[in-house]
Amino acid sequence: GVGIVTPNPGSSGSARWNIMAAWNHVI
């Protein structure tokens, strides 16, 4: 039920930072 907005990593550098931060949370 939580809707996330983030840029698309196919075009956006900020998206890649965001997604790697999410990945890193688990690691």
PDB file of all heavy atoms in Angstrom:
ATOM      1  N   GLY A   1       0.775  -1.229   0.000  1.00  0.00           N
ATOM      2  CA  GLY A   1       0.000   0.000   0.000  1.00  0.00           C
ATOM      3  C   GLY A   1       0.804   1.275   0.000  1.00  0.00           C
ATOM      4  O   GLY A   1       0.222   2.372   0.043  1.00  0.00           O
ATOM      5  N   VAL A   2       2.139   1.178  -0.046  1.00  0.00           N
ATOM      6  CA  VAL A   2       2.985   2.372  -0.100  1.00  0.00           C
ATOM      7  C   VAL A   2       3.438   2.576  -1.540  1.00  0.00           C
ATOM      8  O   VAL A   2       4.118   1.727  -2.116  1.00  0.00           O
ATOM      9  CB  VAL A   2       4.201   2.246   0.828  1.00  0.00           C
ATOM     10  CG1 VAL A   2       5.115   3.473   0.672  1.00  0.00           C
ATOM     11  CG2 VAL A   2       3.761   2.105   2.280  1.00  0.00           C
ATOM     12  N   GLY A   3       3.047   3.690  -2.144  1.00  0.00           N
ATOM     13  CA  GLY A   3       3.414   3.983  -3.523  1.00  0.00           C
ATOM     14  C   GLY A   3       4.722   4.742  -3.597  1.00  0.00           C
ATOM     15  O   GLY A   3       4.887   5.787  -2.981  1.00  0.00           O
ATOM     16  N   ILE A   4       5.678   4.205  -4.372  1.00  0.00           N
ATOM     17  CA  ILE A   4       7.011   4.788  -4.496  1.00  0.00           C
ATOM     18  C   ILE A   4       7.133   5.541  -5.820  1.00  0.00           C
ATOM     19  O   ILE A   4       6.726   5.049  -6.876  1.00  0.00           O
ATOM     20  CB  ILE A   4       8.093   3.688  -4.435  1.00  0.00           C
ATOM     21  CG1 ILE A   4       8.129   3.042  -3.043  1.00  0.00           C
ATOM     22  CG2 ILE A   4       9.468   4.250  -4.795  1.00  0.00           C
ATOM     23  CD1 ILE A   4       9.057   1.831  -2.957  1.00  0.00           C
ATOM     24  N   VAL A   5       7.723   6.734  -5.758  1.00  0.00           N
ATOM     25  CA  VAL A   5       8.110   7.478  -6.954  1.00  0.00           C
ATOM     26  C   VAL A   5       9.633   7.573  -6.964  1.00  0.00           C
ATOM     27  O   VAL A   5      10.239   7.997  -5.976  1.00  0.00           O
ATOM     28  CB  VAL A   5       7.507   8.891  -6.978  1.00  0.00           C
ATOM     29  CG1 VAL A   5       7.988   9.662  -8.210  1.00  0.00           C
ATOM     30  CG2 VAL A   5       5.983   8.836  -6.943  1.00  0.00           C
ATOM     31  N   THR A   6      10.248   7.156  -8.047  1.00  0.00           N
ATOM     32  CA  THR A   6      11.698   7.280  -8.234  1.00  0.00           C
ATOM     33  C   THR A   6      11.957   7.375  -9.718  1.00  0.00           C
ATOM     34  O   THR A   6      11.170   6.854 -10.521  1.00  0.00           O
ATOM     35  CB  THR A   6      12.449   6.083  -7.609  1.00  0.00           C
ATOM     36  OG1 THR A   6      13.873   6.333  -7.643  1.00  0.00           O
ATOM     37  CG2 THR A   6      12.164   4.792  -8.344  1.00  0.00           C
ATOM     38  N   PRO A   7      13.019   8.041 -10.147  1.00  0.00           N
ATOM     39  CA  PRO A   7      13.290   8.093 -11.578  1.00  0.00           C
ATOM     40  C   PRO A   7      13.621   6.708 -12.143  1.00  0.00           C
ATOM     41  O   PRO A   7      13.871   5.761 -11.396  1.00  0.00           O
ATOM     42  CB  PRO A   7      14.504   9.026 -11.685  1.00  0.00           C
ATOM     43  CG  PRO A   7      14.588   9.721 -10.381  1.00  0.00           C
ATOM     44  CD  PRO A   7      13.981   8.824  -9.369  1.00  0.00           C
ATOM     45  N   ASN A   8      13.649   6.615 -13.461  1.00  0.00           N
ATOM     46  CA  ASN A   8      13.946   5.367 -14.145  1.00  0.00           C
ATOM     47  C   ASN A   8      15.454   5.224 -14.345  1.00  0.00           C
ATOM     48  O   ASN A   8      16.086   6.119 -14.913  1.00  0.00           O
ATOM     49  CB  ASN A   8      13.242   5.347 -15.509  1.00  0.00           C
ATOM     50  CG  ASN A   8      13.224   3.962 -16.127  1.00  0.00           C
ATOM     51  OD1 ASN A   8      14.212   3.236 -16.086  1.00  0.00           O
ATOM     52  ND2 ASN A   8      12.106   3.601 -16.719  1.00  0.00           N
ATOM     53  N   PRO A   9      16.055   4.125 -13.900  1.00  0.00           N
ATOM     54  CA  PRO A   9      17.509   3.969 -14.040  1.00  0.00           C
ATOM     55  C   PRO A   9      17.980   3.850 -15.477  1.00  0.00           C
ATOM     56  O   PRO A   9      19.177   3.951 -15.754  1.00  0.00           O
ATOM     57  CB  PRO A   9      17.810   2.690 -13.249  1.00  0.00           C
ATOM     58  CG  PRO A   9      16.518   1.944 -13.223  1.00  0.00           C
ATOM     59  CD  PRO A   9      15.457   3.003 -13.166  1.00  0.00           C
ATOM     60  N   GLY A  10      17.046   3.646 -16.422  1.00  0.00           N
ATOM     61  CA  GLY A  10      17.441   3.599 -17.818  1.00  0.00           C
ATOM     62  C   GLY A  10      17.910   4.932 -18.348  1.00  0.00           C
ATOM     63  O   GLY A  10      18.722   4.999 -19.273  1.00  0.00           O
ATOM     64  N   SER A  11      17.428   6.038 -17.753  1.00  0.00           N
ATOM     65  CA  SER A  11      17.798   7.375 -18.219  1.00  0.00           C
ATOM     66  C   SER A  11      18.423   8.230 -17.131  1.00  0.00           C
ATOM     67  O   SER A  11      19.197   9.141 -17.431  1.00  0.00           O
ATOM     68  CB  SER A  11      16.557   8.100 -18.758  1.00  0.00           C
ATOM     69  OG  SER A  11      15.563   8.229 -17.745  1.00  0.00           O
ATOM     70  N   SER A  12      18.112   7.952 -15.892  1.00  0.00           N
ATOM     71  CA  SER A  12      18.442   8.865 -14.794  1.00  0.00           C
ATOM     72  C   SER A  12      19.550   8.341 -13.902  1.00  0.00           C
ATOM     73  O   SER A  12      19.491   7.214 -13.405  1.00  0.00           O
ATOM     74  CB  SER A  12      17.184   9.118 -13.953  1.00  0.00           C
ATOM     75  OG  SER A  12      17.509   9.792 -12.763  1.00  0.00           O
ATOM     76  N   GLY A  13      20.550   9.194 -13.662  1.00  0.00           N
ATOM     77  CA  GLY A  13      21.588   8.833 -12.715  1.00  0.00           C
ATOM     78  C   GLY A  13      21.076   8.797 -11.292  1.00  0.00           C
ATOM     79  O   GLY A  13      21.459   7.930 -10.501  1.00  0.00           O
ATOM     80  N   SER A  14      20.185   9.737 -10.945  1.00  0.00           N
ATOM     81  CA  SER A  14      19.680   9.760  -9.572  1.00  0.00           C
ATOM     82  C   SER A  14      18.936   8.479  -9.236  1.00  0.00           C
ATOM     83  O   SER A  14      18.953   8.009  -8.096  1.00  0.00           O
ATOM     84  CB  SER A  14      18.786  10.982  -9.349  1.00  0.00           C
ATOM     85  OG  SER A  14      17.669  10.972 -10.192  1.00  0.00           O
ATOM     86  N   ALA A  15      18.299   7.865 -10.243  1.00  0.00           N
ATOM     87  CA  ALA A  15      17.615   6.586 -10.012  1.00  0.00           C
ATOM     88  C   ALA A  15      18.597   5.519  -9.564  1.00  0.00           C
ATOM     89  O   ALA A  15      18.298   4.703  -8.680  1.00  0.00           O
ATOM     90  CB  ALA A  15      16.905   6.147 -11.286  1.00  0.00           C
ATOM     91  N   ARG A  16      19.768   5.493 -10.160  1.00  0.00           N
ATOM     92  CA  ARG A  16      20.756   4.466  -9.809  1.00  0.00           C
ATOM     93  C   ARG A  16      21.285   4.671  -8.393  1.00  0.00           C
ATOM     94  O   ARG A  16      21.490   3.705  -7.655  1.00  0.00           O
ATOM     95  CB  ARG A  16      21.877   4.436 -10.844  1.00  0.00           C
ATOM     96  CG  ARG A  16      21.351   4.073 -12.232  1.00  0.00           C
ATOM     97  CD  ARG A  16      22.442   3.775 -13.235  1.00  0.00           C
ATOM     98  NE  ARG A  16      21.845   3.407 -14.532  1.00  0.00           N
ATOM     99  CZ  ARG A  16      22.499   2.832 -15.530  1.00  0.00           C
ATOM    100  NH1 ARG A  16      23.791   2.570 -15.390  1.00  0.00           N
ATOM    101  NH2 ARG A  16      21.888   2.534 -16.653  1.00  0.00           N
ATOM    102  N   TRP A  17      21.483   5.928  -8.004  1.00  0.00           N
ATOM    103  CA  TRP A  17      21.851   6.189  -6.614  1.00  0.00           C
ATOM    104  C   TRP A  17      20.754   5.682  -5.678  1.00  0.00           C
ATOM    105  O   TRP A  17      21.032   5.020  -4.666  1.00  0.00           O
ATOM    106  CB  TRP A  17      22.052   7.690  -6.386  1.00  0.00           C
ATOM    107  CG  TRP A  17      23.247   8.297  -7.032  1.00  0.00           C
ATOM    108  CD1 TRP A  17      23.251   9.170  -8.082  1.00  0.00           C
ATOM    109  CD2 TRP A  17      24.625   8.113  -6.672  1.00  0.00           C
ATOM    110  NE1 TRP A  17      24.539   9.542  -8.392  1.00  0.00           N
ATOM    111  CE2 TRP A  17      25.402   8.912  -7.543  1.00  0.00           C
ATOM    112  CE3 TRP A  17      25.264   7.358  -5.689  1.00  0.00           C
ATOM    113  CZ2 TRP A  17      26.798   8.974  -7.466  1.00  0.00           C
ATOM    114  CZ3 TRP A  17      26.648   7.413  -5.611  1.00  0.00           C
ATOM    115  CH2 TRP A  17      27.398   8.209  -6.487  1.00  0.00           C
ATOM    116  N   ASN A  18      19.500   5.994  -6.006  1.00  0.00           N
ATOM    117  CA  ASN A  18      18.374   5.600  -5.157  1.00  0.00           C
ATOM    118  C   ASN A  18      18.302   4.084  -4.985  1.00  0.00           C
ATOM    119  O   ASN A  18      18.128   3.572  -3.879  1.00  0.00           O
ATOM    120  CB  ASN A  18      17.052   6.083  -5.766  1.00  0.00           C
ATOM    121  CG  ASN A  18      16.927   7.585  -5.823  1.00  0.00           C
ATOM    122  OD1 ASN A  18      17.712   8.306  -5.216  1.00  0.00           O
ATOM    123  ND2 ASN A  18      15.947   8.059  -6.569  1.00  0.00           N
ATOM    124  N   ILE A  19      18.397   3.382  -6.100  1.00  0.00           N
ATOM    125  CA  ILE A  19      18.234   1.935  -6.065  1.00  0.00           C
ATOM    126  C   ILE A  19      19.405   1.269  -5.356  1.00  0.00           C
ATOM    127  O   ILE A  19      19.224   0.300  -4.601  1.00  0.00           O
ATOM    128  CB  ILE A  19      18.040   1.401  -7.494  1.00  0.00           C
ATOM    129  CG1 ILE A  19      16.686   1.886  -8.036  1.00  0.00           C
ATOM    130  CG2 ILE A  19      18.107  -0.120  -7.544  1.00  0.00           C
ATOM    131  CD1 ILE A  19      16.556   1.810  -9.528  1.00  0.00           C
ATOM    132  N   MET A  20      20.608   1.792  -5.564  1.00  0.00           N
ATOM    133  CA  MET A  20      21.753   1.228  -4.845  1.00  0.00           C
ATOM    134  C   MET A  20      21.654   1.505  -3.350  1.00  0.00           C
ATOM    135  O   MET A  20      22.109   0.693  -2.538  1.00  0.00           O
ATOM    136  CB  MET A  20      23.059   1.779  -5.418  1.00  0.00           C
ATOM    137  CG  MET A  20      23.398   1.243  -6.804  1.00  0.00           C
ATOM    138  SD  MET A  20      23.411  -0.582  -6.896  1.00  0.00           S
ATOM    139  CE  MET A  20      24.696  -0.977  -5.677  1.00  0.00           C
ATOM    140  N   ALA A  21      21.064   2.630  -2.970  1.00  0.00           N
ATOM    141  CA  ALA A  21      20.854   2.889  -1.546  1.00  0.00           C
ATOM    142  C   ALA A  21      19.874   1.882  -0.955  1.00  0.00           C
ATOM    143  O   ALA A  21      20.050   1.404   0.178  1.00  0.00           O
ATOM    144  CB  ALA A  21      20.342   4.315  -1.335  1.00  0.00           C
ATOM    145  N   ALA A  22      18.824   1.543  -1.714  1.00  0.00           N
ATOM    146  CA  ALA A  22      17.862   0.542  -1.251  1.00  0.00           C
ATOM    147  C   ALA A  22      18.531  -0.826  -1.135  1.00  0.00           C
ATOM    148  O   ALA A  22      18.340  -1.553  -0.149  1.00  0.00           O
ATOM    149  CB  ALA A  22      16.674   0.474  -2.213  1.00  0.00           C
ATOM    150  N   TRP A  23      19.295  -1.198  -2.145  1.00  0.00           N
ATOM    151  CA  TRP A  23      20.043  -2.465  -2.106  1.00  0.00           C
ATOM    152  C   TRP A  23      20.986  -2.483  -0.901  1.00  0.00           C
ATOM    153  O   TRP A  23      21.052  -3.458  -0.150  1.00  0.00           O
ATOM    154  CB  TRP A  23      20.836  -2.618  -3.404  1.00  0.00           C
ATOM    155  CG  TRP A  23      21.744  -3.811  -3.465  1.00  0.00           C
ATOM    156  CD1 TRP A  23      23.020  -3.909  -2.961  1.00  0.00           C
ATOM    157  CD2 TRP A  23      21.453  -5.086  -4.036  1.00  0.00           C
ATOM    158  NE1 TRP A  23      23.532  -5.143  -3.206  1.00  0.00           N
ATOM    159  CE2 TRP A  23      22.608  -5.892  -3.867  1.00  0.00           C
ATOM    160  CE3 TRP A  23      20.342  -5.612  -4.699  1.00  0.00           C
ATOM    161  CZ2 TRP A  23      22.665  -7.214  -4.327  1.00  0.00           C
ATOM    162  CZ3 TRP A  23      20.409  -6.927  -5.156  1.00  0.00           C
ATOM    163  CH2 TRP A  23      21.551  -7.710  -4.964  1.00  0.00           C
ATOM    164  N   ASN A  24      21.711  -1.388  -0.703  1.00  0.00           N
ATOM    165  CA  ASN A  24      22.692  -1.315   0.376  1.00  0.00           C
ATOM    166  C   ASN A  24      22.043  -1.435   1.754  1.00  0.00           C
ATOM    167  O   ASN A  24      22.682  -1.919   2.697  1.00  0.00           O
ATOM    168  CB  ASN A  24      23.462   0.004   0.290  1.00  0.00           C
ATOM    169  CG  ASN A  24      24.498   0.124   1.383  1.00  0.00           C
ATOM    170  OD1 ASN A  24      25.527  -0.526   1.363  1.00  0.00           O
ATOM    171  ND2 ASN A  24      24.233   0.979   2.366  1.00  0.00           N
ATOM    172  N   HIS A  25      20.782  -1.000   1.875  1.00  0.00           N
ATOM    173  CA  HIS A  25      20.101  -1.110   3.165  1.00  0.00           C
ATOM    174  C   HIS A  25      20.128  -2.541   3.669  1.00  0.00           C
ATOM    175  O   HIS A  25      20.398  -2.792   4.851  1.00  0.00           O
ATOM    176  CB  HIS A  25      18.658  -0.626   3.048  1.00  0.00           C
ATOM    177  CG  HIS A  25      17.810  -0.996   4.214  1.00  0.00           C
ATOM    178  ND1 HIS A  25      18.019  -0.486   5.482  1.00  0.00           N
ATOM    179  CD2 HIS A  25      16.753  -1.858   4.324  1.00  0.00           C
ATOM    180  CE1 HIS A  25      17.135  -1.002   6.318  1.00  0.00           C
ATOM    181  NE2 HIS A  25      16.362  -1.838   5.637  1.00  0.00           N
ATOM    182  N   VAL A  26      19.887  -3.483   2.792  1.00  0.00           N
ATOM    183  CA  VAL A  26      19.881  -4.901   3.197  1.00  0.00           C
ATOM    184  C   VAL A  26      21.301  -5.372   3.487  1.00  0.00           C
ATOM    185  O   VAL A  26      21.561  -6.031   4.507  1.00  0.00           O
ATOM    186  CB  VAL A  26      19.234  -5.767   2.102  1.00  0.00           C
ATOM    187  CG1 VAL A  26      19.298  -7.242   2.479  1.00  0.00           C
ATOM    188  CG2 VAL A  26      17.786  -5.334   1.875  1.00  0.00           C
ATOM    189  N   ILE A  27      22.234  -5.025   2.615  1.00  0.00           N
ATOM    190  CA  ILE A  27      23.616  -5.460   2.794  1.00  0.00           C
ATOM    191  C   ILE A  27      24.210  -4.864   4.067  1.00  0.00           C
ATOM    192  O   ILE A  27      24.937  -5.538   4.814  1.00  0.00           O
ATOM    193  CB  ILE A  27      24.459  -5.071   1.566  1.00  0.00           C
ATOM    194  CG1 ILE A  27      23.874  -5.690   0.286  1.00  0.00           C
ATOM    195  CG2 ILE A  27      25.906  -5.476   1.745  1.00  0.00           C
ATOM    196  CD1 ILE A  27      23.774  -7.200   0.295  1.00  0.00           C
TER     197      ILE A  27
END
